[in-house]
Amino acid sequence: MEKPIKVKIFNHEYLIKSDEDEEQVQNIAKFLNDRFREIREDTKDLSEGKTAILAAFHIASDYFHVLKERDDLVRDIQNRARSLNYQIDSIST
């Protein structure tokens, strides 16, 4: 881990130690701020804590959606590879 990186998330400064480079850490902080801002615009009366929980829930939901898409893609690639292998095997025998 490198030296701590200062980021500002939801109007609070944090020192983040990470294996990621500084640019990536700043990109992540920007992503979080953007999510907080989106949620805050839609629900102005939420506390910071509730906004953070809602943002975490949305991010986790997006993450699980991407995992499902990845799994579907891997399954599709495996099926296509099996089909191509079958076609190659049927031609060479």
PDB file of N, CA and C in Angstrom:
ATOM      1  N   MET A   1       0.834  -1.179   0.000  1.00  0.00           N
ATOM      2  CA  MET A   1       0.000   0.000   0.000  1.00  0.00           C
ATOM      3  C   MET A   1       0.883   1.248   0.000  1.00  0.00           C
ATOM      4  N   GLU A   2       0.429   2.185  -0.766  1.00  0.00           N
ATOM      5  CA  GLU A   2       1.141   3.456  -0.873  1.00  0.00           C
ATOM      6  C   GLU A   2       0.711   4.387   0.257  1.00  0.00           C
ATOM      7  N   LYS A   3       1.189   5.621   0.175  1.00  0.00           N
ATOM      8  CA  LYS A   3       0.789   6.633   1.167  1.00  0.00           C
ATOM      9  C   LYS A   3      -0.716   6.873   1.059  1.00  0.00           C
ATOM     10  N   PRO A   4      -1.337   7.320   2.133  1.00  0.00           N
ATOM     11  CA  PRO A   4      -2.770   7.584   2.089  1.00  0.00           C
ATOM     12  C   PRO A   4      -3.107   8.656   1.044  1.00  0.00           C
ATOM     13  N   ILE A   5      -4.264   8.491   0.425  1.00  0.00           N
ATOM     14  CA  ILE A   5      -4.738   9.422  -0.598  1.00  0.00           C
ATOM     15  C   ILE A   5      -5.929  10.168  -0.020  1.00  0.00           C
ATOM     16  N   LYS A   6      -5.890  11.498  -0.098  1.00  0.00           N
ATOM     17  CA  LYS A   6      -6.975  12.312   0.431  1.00  0.00           C
ATOM     18  C   LYS A   6      -8.089  12.390  -0.609  1.00  0.00           C
ATOM     19  N   VAL A   7      -9.296  12.033  -0.193  1.00  0.00           N
ATOM     20  CA  VAL A   7     -10.473  12.149  -1.057  1.00  0.00           C
ATOM     21  C   VAL A   7     -11.560  12.881  -0.281  1.00  0.00           C
ATOM     22  N   LYS A   8     -12.462  13.471  -1.034  1.00  0.00           N
ATOM     23  CA  LYS A   8     -13.613  14.135  -0.420  1.00  0.00           C
ATOM     24  C   LYS A   8     -14.856  13.405  -0.883  1.00  0.00           C
ATOM     25  N   ILE A   9     -15.572  12.844   0.081  1.00  0.00           N
ATOM     26  CA  ILE A   9     -16.799  12.100  -0.213  1.00  0.00           C
ATOM     27  C   ILE A   9     -17.921  12.698   0.625  1.00  0.00           C
ATOM     28  N   PHE A  10     -18.929  13.161  -0.073  1.00  0.00           N
ATOM     29  CA  PHE A  10     -20.110  13.734   0.583  1.00  0.00           C
ATOM     30  C   PHE A  10     -19.724  14.817   1.588  1.00  0.00           C
ATOM     31  N   ASN A  11     -18.869  15.725   1.149  1.00  0.00           N
ATOM     32  CA  ASN A  11     -18.415  16.874   1.936  1.00  0.00           C
ATOM     33  C   ASN A  11     -17.573  16.516   3.155  1.00  0.00           C
ATOM     34  N   HIS A  12     -17.006  15.322   3.172  1.00  0.00           N
ATOM     35  CA  HIS A  12     -16.105  14.924   4.245  1.00  0.00           C
ATOM     36  C   HIS A  12     -14.798  14.450   3.619  1.00  0.00           C
ATOM     37  N   GLU A  13     -13.685  14.832   4.229  1.00  0.00           N
ATOM     38  CA  GLU A  13     -12.392  14.389   3.717  1.00  0.00           C
ATOM     39  C   GLU A  13     -11.974  13.104   4.421  1.00  0.00           C
ATOM     40  N   TYR A  14     -11.422  12.190   3.637  1.00  0.00           N
ATOM     41  CA  TYR A  14     -10.942  10.917   4.146  1.00  0.00           C
ATOM     42  C   TYR A  14      -9.550  10.655   3.598  1.00  0.00           C
ATOM     43  N   LEU A  15      -8.736   9.971   4.378  1.00  0.00           N
ATOM     44  CA  LEU A  15      -7.461   9.473   3.890  1.00  0.00           C
ATOM     45  C   LEU A  15      -7.655   7.989   3.609  1.00  0.00           C
ATOM     46  N   ILE A  16      -7.454   7.613   2.370  1.00  0.00           N
ATOM     47  CA  ILE A  16      -7.699   6.240   1.938  1.00  0.00           C
ATOM     48  C   ILE A  16      -6.369   5.568   1.633  1.00  0.00           C
ATOM     49  N   LYS A  17      -6.125   4.426   2.247  1.00  0.00           N
ATOM     50  CA  LYS A  17      -4.977   3.591   1.885  1.00  0.00           C
ATOM     51  C   LYS A  17      -5.504   2.505   0.961  1.00  0.00           C
ATOM     52  N   SER A  18      -4.861   2.357  -0.171  1.00  0.00           N
ATOM     53  CA  SER A  18      -5.376   1.410  -1.154  1.00  0.00           C
ATOM     54  C   SER A  18      -4.235   0.873  -2.001  1.00  0.00           C
ATOM     55  N   ASP A  19      -4.445  -0.313  -2.549  1.00  0.00           N
ATOM     56  CA  ASP A  19      -3.504  -0.876  -3.519  1.00  0.00           C
ATOM     57  C   ASP A  19      -3.705  -0.252  -4.897  1.00  0.00           C
ATOM     58  N   GLU A  20      -4.819   0.464  -5.073  1.00  0.00           N
ATOM     59  CA  GLU A  20      -5.110   1.144  -6.340  1.00  0.00           C
ATOM     60  C   GLU A  20      -4.244   2.397  -6.440  1.00  0.00           C
ATOM     61  N   ASP A  21      -4.012   2.846  -7.675  1.00  0.00           N
ATOM     62  CA  ASP A  21      -3.262   4.092  -7.825  1.00  0.00           C
ATOM     63  C   ASP A  21      -4.168   5.277  -7.487  1.00  0.00           C
ATOM     64  N   GLU A  22      -3.560   6.444  -7.317  1.00  0.00           N
ATOM     65  CA  GLU A  22      -4.313   7.615  -6.870  1.00  0.00           C
ATOM     66  C   GLU A  22      -5.434   7.978  -7.827  1.00  0.00           C
ATOM     67  N   GLU A  23      -5.181   7.883  -9.118  1.00  0.00           N
ATOM     68  CA  GLU A  23      -6.214   8.229 -10.093  1.00  0.00           C
ATOM     69  C   GLU A  23      -7.439   7.333  -9.931  1.00  0.00           C
ATOM     70  N   GLN A  24      -7.225   6.044  -9.710  1.00  0.00           N
ATOM     71  CA  GLN A  24      -8.346   5.121  -9.532  1.00  0.00           C
ATOM     72  C   GLN A  24      -9.107   5.420  -8.241  1.00  0.00           C
ATOM     73  N   VAL A  25      -8.385   5.730  -7.179  1.00  0.00           N
ATOM     74  CA  VAL A  25      -9.040   6.067  -5.912  1.00  0.00           C
ATOM     75  C   VAL A  25      -9.894   7.323  -6.088  1.00  0.00           C
ATOM     76  N   GLN A  26      -9.374   8.317  -6.798  1.00  0.00           N
ATOM     77  CA  GLN A  26     -10.132   9.539  -7.043  1.00  0.00           C
ATOM     78  C   GLN A  26     -11.357   9.254  -7.922  1.00  0.00           C
ATOM     79  N   ASN A  27     -11.209   8.357  -8.893  1.00  0.00           N
ATOM     80  CA  ASN A  27     -12.352   7.975  -9.740  1.00  0.00           C
ATOM     81  C   ASN A  27     -13.441   7.303  -8.913  1.00  0.00           C
ATOM     82  N   ILE A  28     -13.031   6.459  -7.983  1.00  0.00           N
ATOM     83  CA  ILE A  28     -14.004   5.783  -7.111  1.00  0.00           C
ATOM     84  C   ILE A  28     -14.713   6.813  -6.232  1.00  0.00           C
ATOM     85  N   ALA A  29     -13.949   7.753  -5.677  1.00  0.00           N
ATOM     86  CA  ALA A  29     -14.554   8.797  -4.842  1.00  0.00           C
ATOM     87  C   ALA A  29     -15.547   9.626  -5.660  1.00  0.00           C
ATOM     88  N   LYS A  30     -15.195   9.944  -6.898  1.00  0.00           N
ATOM     89  CA  LYS A  30     -16.099  10.697  -7.765  1.00  0.00           C
ATOM     90  C   LYS A  30     -17.372   9.899  -8.037  1.00  0.00           C
ATOM     91  N   PHE A  31     -17.216   8.596  -8.287  1.00  0.00           N
ATOM     92  CA  PHE A  31     -18.367   7.725  -8.522  1.00  0.00           C
ATOM     93  C   PHE A  31     -19.301   7.757  -7.306  1.00  0.00           C
ATOM     94  N   LEU A  32     -18.718   7.627  -6.107  1.00  0.00           N
ATOM     95  CA  LEU A  32     -19.533   7.659  -4.887  1.00  0.00           C
ATOM     96  C   LEU A  32     -20.244   9.002  -4.736  1.00  0.00           C
ATOM     97  N   ASN A  33     -19.510  10.083  -4.953  1.00  0.00           N
ATOM     98  CA  ASN A  33     -20.124  11.410  -4.844  1.00  0.00           C
ATOM     99  C   ASN A  33     -21.267  11.579  -5.832  1.00  0.00           C
ATOM    100  N   ASP A  34     -21.061  11.092  -7.048  1.00  0.00           N
ATOM    101  CA  ASP A  34     -22.123  11.181  -8.059  1.00  0.00           C
ATOM    102  C   ASP A  34     -23.357  10.406  -7.611  1.00  0.00           C
ATOM    103  N   ARG A  35     -23.149   9.205  -7.057  1.00  0.00           N
ATOM    104  CA  ARG A  35     -24.282   8.404  -6.576  1.00  0.00           C
ATOM    105  C   ARG A  35     -24.998   9.097  -5.428  1.00  0.00           C
ATOM    106  N   PHE A  36     -24.211   9.626  -4.477  1.00  0.00           N
ATOM    107  CA  PHE A  36     -24.821  10.349  -3.358  1.00  0.00           C
ATOM    108  C   PHE A  36     -25.644  11.520  -3.877  1.00  0.00           C
ATOM    109  N   ARG A  37     -25.103  12.252  -4.831  1.00  0.00           N
ATOM    110  CA  ARG A  37     -25.779  13.425  -5.373  1.00  0.00           C
ATOM    111  C   ARG A  37     -27.102  13.019  -6.044  1.00  0.00           C
ATOM    112  N   GLU A  38     -27.063  11.930  -6.825  1.00  0.00           N
ATOM    113  CA  GLU A  38     -28.286  11.441  -7.484  1.00  0.00           C
ATOM    114  C   GLU A  38     -29.362  11.117  -6.459  1.00  0.00           C
ATOM    115  N   ILE A  39     -28.968  10.406  -5.417  1.00  0.00           N
ATOM    116  CA  ILE A  39     -29.940   9.989  -4.399  1.00  0.00           C
ATOM    117  C   ILE A  39     -30.444  11.209  -3.643  1.00  0.00           C
ATOM    118  N   ARG A  40     -29.547  12.123  -3.335  1.00  0.00           N
ATOM    119  CA  ARG A  40     -29.925  13.325  -2.595  1.00  0.00           C
ATOM    120  C   ARG A  40     -30.919  14.170  -3.394  1.00  0.00           C
ATOM    121  N   GLU A  41     -30.736  14.226  -4.707  1.00  0.00           N
ATOM    122  CA  GLU A  41     -31.661  14.998  -5.550  1.00  0.00           C
ATOM    123  C   GLU A  41     -33.054  14.379  -5.551  1.00  0.00           C
ATOM    124  N   ASP A  42     -33.101  13.041  -5.498  1.00  0.00           N
ATOM    125  CA  ASP A  42     -34.395  12.350  -5.521  1.00  0.00           C
ATOM    126  C   ASP A  42     -35.080  12.330  -4.158  1.00  0.00           C
ATOM    127  N   THR A  43     -34.293  12.344  -3.099  1.00  0.00           N
ATOM    128  CA  THR A  43     -34.843  12.228  -1.740  1.00  0.00           C
ATOM    129  C   THR A  43     -34.136  13.225  -0.836  1.00  0.00           C
ATOM    130  N   LYS A  44     -34.556  14.457  -0.864  1.00  0.00           N
ATOM    131  CA  LYS A  44     -33.877  15.555  -0.163  1.00  0.00           C
ATOM    132  C   LYS A  44     -33.947  15.443   1.358  1.00  0.00           C
ATOM    133  N   ASP A  45     -34.897  14.734   1.899  1.00  0.00           N
ATOM    134  CA  ASP A  45     -35.098  14.704   3.348  1.00  0.00           C
ATOM    135  C   ASP A  45     -34.312  13.602   4.059  1.00  0.00           C
ATOM    136  N   LEU A  46     -33.531  12.811   3.316  1.00  0.00           N
ATOM    137  CA  LEU A  46     -32.783  11.719   3.953  1.00  0.00           C
ATOM    138  C   LEU A  46     -31.547  12.240   4.674  1.00  0.00           C
ATOM    139  N   SER A  47     -31.232  11.605   5.787  1.00  0.00           N
ATOM    140  CA  SER A  47     -29.991  11.929   6.499  1.00  0.00           C
ATOM    141  C   SER A  47     -28.798  11.434   5.674  1.00  0.00           C
ATOM    142  N   GLU A  48     -27.619  11.896   6.044  1.00  0.00           N
ATOM    143  CA  GLU A  48     -26.411  11.429   5.360  1.00  0.00           C
ATOM    144  C   GLU A  48     -26.261   9.920   5.465  1.00  0.00           C
ATOM    145  N   GLY A  49     -26.518   9.401   6.651  1.00  0.00           N
ATOM    146  CA  GLY A  49     -26.375   7.962   6.872  1.00  0.00           C
ATOM    147  C   GLY A  49     -27.323   7.156   5.995  1.00  0.00           C
ATOM    148  N   LYS A  50     -28.569   7.582   5.931  1.00  0.00           N
ATOM    149  CA  LYS A  50     -29.548   6.877   5.102  1.00  0.00           C
ATOM    150  C   LYS A  50     -29.217   7.029   3.621  1.00  0.00           C
ATOM    151  N   THR A  51     -28.708   8.205   3.245  1.00  0.00           N
ATOM    152  CA  THR A  51     -28.286   8.401   1.858  1.00  0.00           C
ATOM    153  C   THR A  51     -27.147   7.445   1.521  1.00  0.00           C
ATOM    154  N   ALA A  52     -26.196   7.307   2.453  1.00  0.00           N
ATOM    155  CA  ALA A  52     -25.068   6.397   2.234  1.00  0.00           C
ATOM    156  C   ALA A  52     -25.536   4.948   2.103  1.00  0.00           C
ATOM    157  N   ILE A  53     -26.485   4.552   2.952  1.00  0.00           N
ATOM    158  CA  ILE A  53     -27.010   3.178   2.883  1.00  0.00           C
ATOM    159  C   ILE A  53     -27.732   2.955   1.567  1.00  0.00           C
ATOM    160  N   LEU A  54     -28.534   3.915   1.144  1.00  0.00           N
ATOM    161  CA  LEU A  54     -29.253   3.791  -0.118  1.00  0.00           C
ATOM    162  C   LEU A  54     -28.272   3.739  -1.296  1.00  0.00           C
ATOM    163  N   ALA A  55     -27.231   4.549  -1.250  1.00  0.00           N
ATOM    164  CA  ALA A  55     -26.205   4.520  -2.297  1.00  0.00           C
ATOM    165  C   ALA A  55     -25.512   3.158  -2.317  1.00  0.00           C
ATOM    166  N   ALA A  56     -25.169   2.647  -1.144  1.00  0.00           N
ATOM    167  CA  ALA A  56     -24.533   1.327  -1.066  1.00  0.00           C
ATOM    168  C   ALA A  56     -25.451   0.257  -1.639  1.00  0.00           C
ATOM    169  N   PHE A  57     -26.742   0.345  -1.342  1.00  0.00           N
ATOM    170  CA  PHE A  57     -27.698  -0.623  -1.866  1.00  0.00           C
ATOM    171  C   PHE A  57     -27.756  -0.555  -3.392  1.00  0.00           C
ATOM    172  N   HIS A  58     -27.801   0.649  -3.946  1.00  0.00           N
ATOM    173  CA  HIS A  58     -27.842   0.808  -5.401  1.00  0.00           C
ATOM    174  C   HIS A  58     -26.564   0.283  -6.052  1.00  0.00           C
ATOM    175  N   ILE A  59     -25.424   0.581  -5.434  1.00  0.00           N
ATOM    176  CA  ILE A  59     -24.142   0.108  -5.972  1.00  0.00           C
ATOM    177  C   ILE A  59     -24.081  -1.412  -5.911  1.00  0.00           C
ATOM    178  N   ALA A  60     -24.522  -1.996  -4.801  1.00  0.00           N
ATOM    179  CA  ALA A  60     -24.532  -3.456  -4.681  1.00  0.00           C
ATOM    180  C   ALA A  60     -25.485  -4.076  -5.700  1.00  0.00           C
ATOM    181  N   SER A  61     -26.629  -3.455  -5.910  1.00  0.00           N
ATOM    182  CA  SER A  61     -27.579  -3.950  -6.903  1.00  0.00           C
ATOM    183  C   SER A  61     -26.944  -3.943  -8.297  1.00  0.00           C
ATOM    184  N   ASP A  62     -26.279  -2.826  -8.641  1.00  0.00           N
ATOM    185  CA  ASP A  62     -25.582  -2.749  -9.933  1.00  0.00           C
ATOM    186  C   ASP A  62     -24.514  -3.830 -10.046  1.00  0.00           C
ATOM    187  N   TYR A  63     -23.784  -4.038  -8.967  1.00  0.00           N
ATOM    188  CA  TYR A  63     -22.719  -5.048  -8.937  1.00  0.00           C
ATOM    189  C   TYR A  63     -23.290  -6.449  -9.210  1.00  0.00           C
ATOM    190  N   PHE A  64     -24.363  -6.801  -8.526  1.00  0.00           N
ATOM    191  CA  PHE A  64     -24.956  -8.120  -8.736  1.00  0.00           C
ATOM    192  C   PHE A  64     -25.527  -8.260 -10.140  1.00  0.00           C
ATOM    193  N   HIS A  65     -26.047  -7.170 -10.693  1.00  0.00           N
ATOM    194  CA  HIS A  65     -26.539  -7.192 -12.066  1.00  0.00           C
ATOM    195  C   HIS A  65     -25.383  -7.470 -13.033  1.00  0.00           C
ATOM    196  N   VAL A  66     -24.255  -6.815 -12.819  1.00  0.00           N
ATOM    197  CA  VAL A  66     -23.077  -7.032 -13.674  1.00  0.00           C
ATOM    198  C   VAL A  66     -22.563  -8.462 -13.523  1.00  0.00           C
ATOM    199  N   LEU A  67     -22.559  -8.992 -12.303  1.00  0.00           N
ATOM    200  CA  LEU A  67     -22.141 -10.387 -12.103  1.00  0.00           C
ATOM    201  C   LEU A  67     -23.028 -11.348 -12.886  1.00  0.00           C
ATOM    202  N   LYS A  68     -24.342 -11.106 -12.857  1.00  0.00           N
ATOM    203  CA  LYS A  68     -25.261 -11.973 -13.598  1.00  0.00           C
ATOM    204  C   LYS A  68     -24.993 -11.874 -15.093  1.00  0.00           C
ATOM    205  N   GLU A  69     -24.807 -10.645 -15.591  1.00  0.00           N
ATOM    206  CA  GLU A  69     -24.494 -10.475 -17.014  1.00  0.00           C
ATOM    207  C   GLU A  69     -23.204 -11.201 -17.380  1.00  0.00           C
ATOM    208  N   ARG A  70     -22.202 -11.098 -16.519  1.00  0.00           N
ATOM    209  CA  ARG A  70     -20.927 -11.787 -16.767  1.00  0.00           C
ATOM    210  C   ARG A  70     -21.128 -13.306 -16.790  1.00  0.00           C
ATOM    211  N   ASP A  71     -21.876 -13.824 -15.830  1.00  0.00           N
ATOM    212  CA  ASP A  71     -22.129 -15.262 -15.791  1.00  0.00           C
ATOM    213  C   ASP A  71     -22.885 -15.723 -17.031  1.00  0.00           C
ATOM    214  N   ASP A  72     -23.869 -14.926 -17.464  1.00  0.00           N
ATOM    215  CA  ASP A  72     -24.615 -15.255 -18.680  1.00  0.00           C
ATOM    216  C   ASP A  72     -23.692 -15.251 -19.894  1.00  0.00           C
ATOM    217  N   LEU A  73     -22.794 -14.274 -19.960  1.00  0.00           N
ATOM    218  CA  LEU A  73     -21.858 -14.181 -21.077  1.00  0.00           C
ATOM    219  C   LEU A  73     -20.894 -15.363 -21.081  1.00  0.00           C
ATOM    220  N   VAL A  74     -20.373 -15.717 -19.912  1.00  0.00           N
ATOM    221  CA  VAL A  74     -19.468 -16.871 -19.812  1.00  0.00           C
ATOM    222  C   VAL A  74     -20.194 -18.136 -20.257  1.00  0.00           C
ATOM    223  N   ARG A  75     -21.431 -18.309 -19.807  1.00  0.00           N
ATOM    224  CA  ARG A  75     -22.215 -19.490 -20.190  1.00  0.00           C
ATOM    225  C   ARG A  75     -22.435 -19.518 -21.706  1.00  0.00           C
ATOM    226  N   ASP A  76     -22.744 -18.361 -22.298  1.00  0.00           N
ATOM    227  CA  ASP A  76     -22.942 -18.268 -23.742  1.00  0.00           C
ATOM    228  C   ASP A  76     -21.653 -18.612 -24.489  1.00  0.00           C
ATOM    229  N   ILE A  77     -20.538 -18.095 -24.028  1.00  0.00           N
ATOM    230  CA  ILE A  77     -19.247 -18.393 -24.674  1.00  0.00           C
ATOM    231  C   ILE A  77     -18.922 -19.876 -24.563  1.00  0.00           C
ATOM    232  N   GLN A  78     -19.163 -20.460 -23.403  1.00  0.00           N
ATOM    233  CA  GLN A  78     -18.914 -21.892 -23.235  1.00  0.00           C
ATOM    234  C   GLN A  78     -19.790 -22.713 -24.171  1.00  0.00           C
ATOM    235  N   ASN A  79     -21.068 -22.339 -24.292  1.00  0.00           N
ATOM    236  CA  ASN A  79     -21.968 -23.066 -25.197  1.00  0.00           C
ATOM    237  C   ASN A  79     -21.516 -22.935 -26.640  1.00  0.00           C
ATOM    238  N   ARG A  80     -21.098 -21.753 -27.042  1.00  0.00           N
ATOM    239  CA  ARG A  80     -20.623 -21.554 -28.410  1.00  0.00           C
ATOM    240  C   ARG A  80     -19.339 -22.337 -28.666  1.00  0.00           C
ATOM    241  N   ALA A  81     -18.452 -22.358 -27.680  1.00  0.00           N
ATOM    242  CA  ALA A  81     -17.204 -23.104 -27.827  1.00  0.00           C
ATOM    243  C   ALA A  81     -17.494 -24.599 -27.960  1.00  0.00           C
ATOM    244  N   ARG A  82     -18.420 -25.117 -27.159  1.00  0.00           N
ATOM    245  CA  ARG A  82     -18.795 -26.534 -27.271  1.00  0.00           C
ATOM    246  C   ARG A  82     -19.365 -26.831 -28.652  1.00  0.00           C
ATOM    247  N   SER A  83     -20.230 -25.917 -29.127  1.00  0.00           N
ATOM    248  CA  SER A  83     -20.821 -26.100 -30.446  1.00  0.00           C
ATOM    249  C   SER A  83     -19.757 -26.088 -31.538  1.00  0.00           C
ATOM    250  N   LEU A  84     -18.830 -25.160 -31.454  1.00  0.00           N
ATOM    251  CA  LEU A  84     -17.742 -25.103 -32.445  1.00  0.00           C
ATOM    252  C   LEU A  84     -16.860 -26.343 -32.366  1.00  0.00           C
ATOM    253  N   ASN A  85     -16.559 -26.794 -31.157  1.00  0.00           N
ATOM    254  CA  ASN A  85     -15.765 -28.015 -30.996  1.00  0.00           C
ATOM    255  C   ASN A  85     -16.487 -29.202 -31.611  1.00  0.00           C
ATOM    256  N   TYR A  86     -17.794 -29.275 -31.384  1.00  0.00           N
ATOM    257  CA  TYR A  86     -18.585 -30.363 -31.961  1.00  0.00           C
ATOM    258  C   TYR A  86     -18.530 -30.319 -33.498  1.00  0.00           C
ATOM    259  N   GLN A  87     -18.681 -29.103 -34.045  1.00  0.00           N
ATOM    260  CA  GLN A  87     -18.626 -28.957 -35.504  1.00  0.00           C
ATOM    261  C   GLN A  87     -17.243 -29.341 -36.037  1.00  0.00           C
ATOM    262  N   ILE A  88     -16.195 -28.937 -35.344  1.00  0.00           N
ATOM    263  CA  ILE A  88     -14.840 -29.289 -35.784  1.00  0.00           C
ATOM    264  C   ILE A  88     -14.648 -30.796 -35.696  1.00  0.00           C
ATOM    265  N   ASP A  89     -15.090 -31.398 -34.597  1.00  0.00           N
ATOM    266  CA  ASP A  89     -14.947 -32.833 -34.438  1.00  0.00           C
ATOM    267  C   ASP A  89     -15.732 -33.596 -35.500  1.00  0.00           C
ATOM    268  N   SER A  90     -16.924 -33.117 -35.860  1.00  0.00           N
ATOM    269  CA  SER A  90     -17.734 -33.832 -36.844  1.00  0.00           C
ATOM    270  C   SER A  90     -17.117 -33.717 -38.246  1.00  0.00           C
ATOM    271  N   ILE A  91     -16.391 -32.653 -38.512  1.00  0.00           N
ATOM    272  CA  ILE A  91     -15.738 -32.506 -39.820  1.00  0.00           C
ATOM    273  C   ILE A  91     -14.487 -33.355 -39.903  1.00  0.00           C
ATOM    274  N   SER A  92     -13.745 -33.461 -38.809  1.00  0.00           N
ATOM    275  CA  SER A  92     -12.474 -34.188 -38.871  1.00  0.00           C
ATOM    276  C   SER A  92     -12.624 -35.691 -38.698  1.00  0.00           C
ATOM    277  N   THR A  93     -13.815 -36.184 -38.448  1.00  0.00           N
ATOM    278  CA  THR A  93     -13.945 -37.647 -38.339  1.00  0.00           C
ATOM    279  C   THR A  93     -14.605 -38.235 -39.552  1.00  0.00           C
TER     280      THR A  93
END
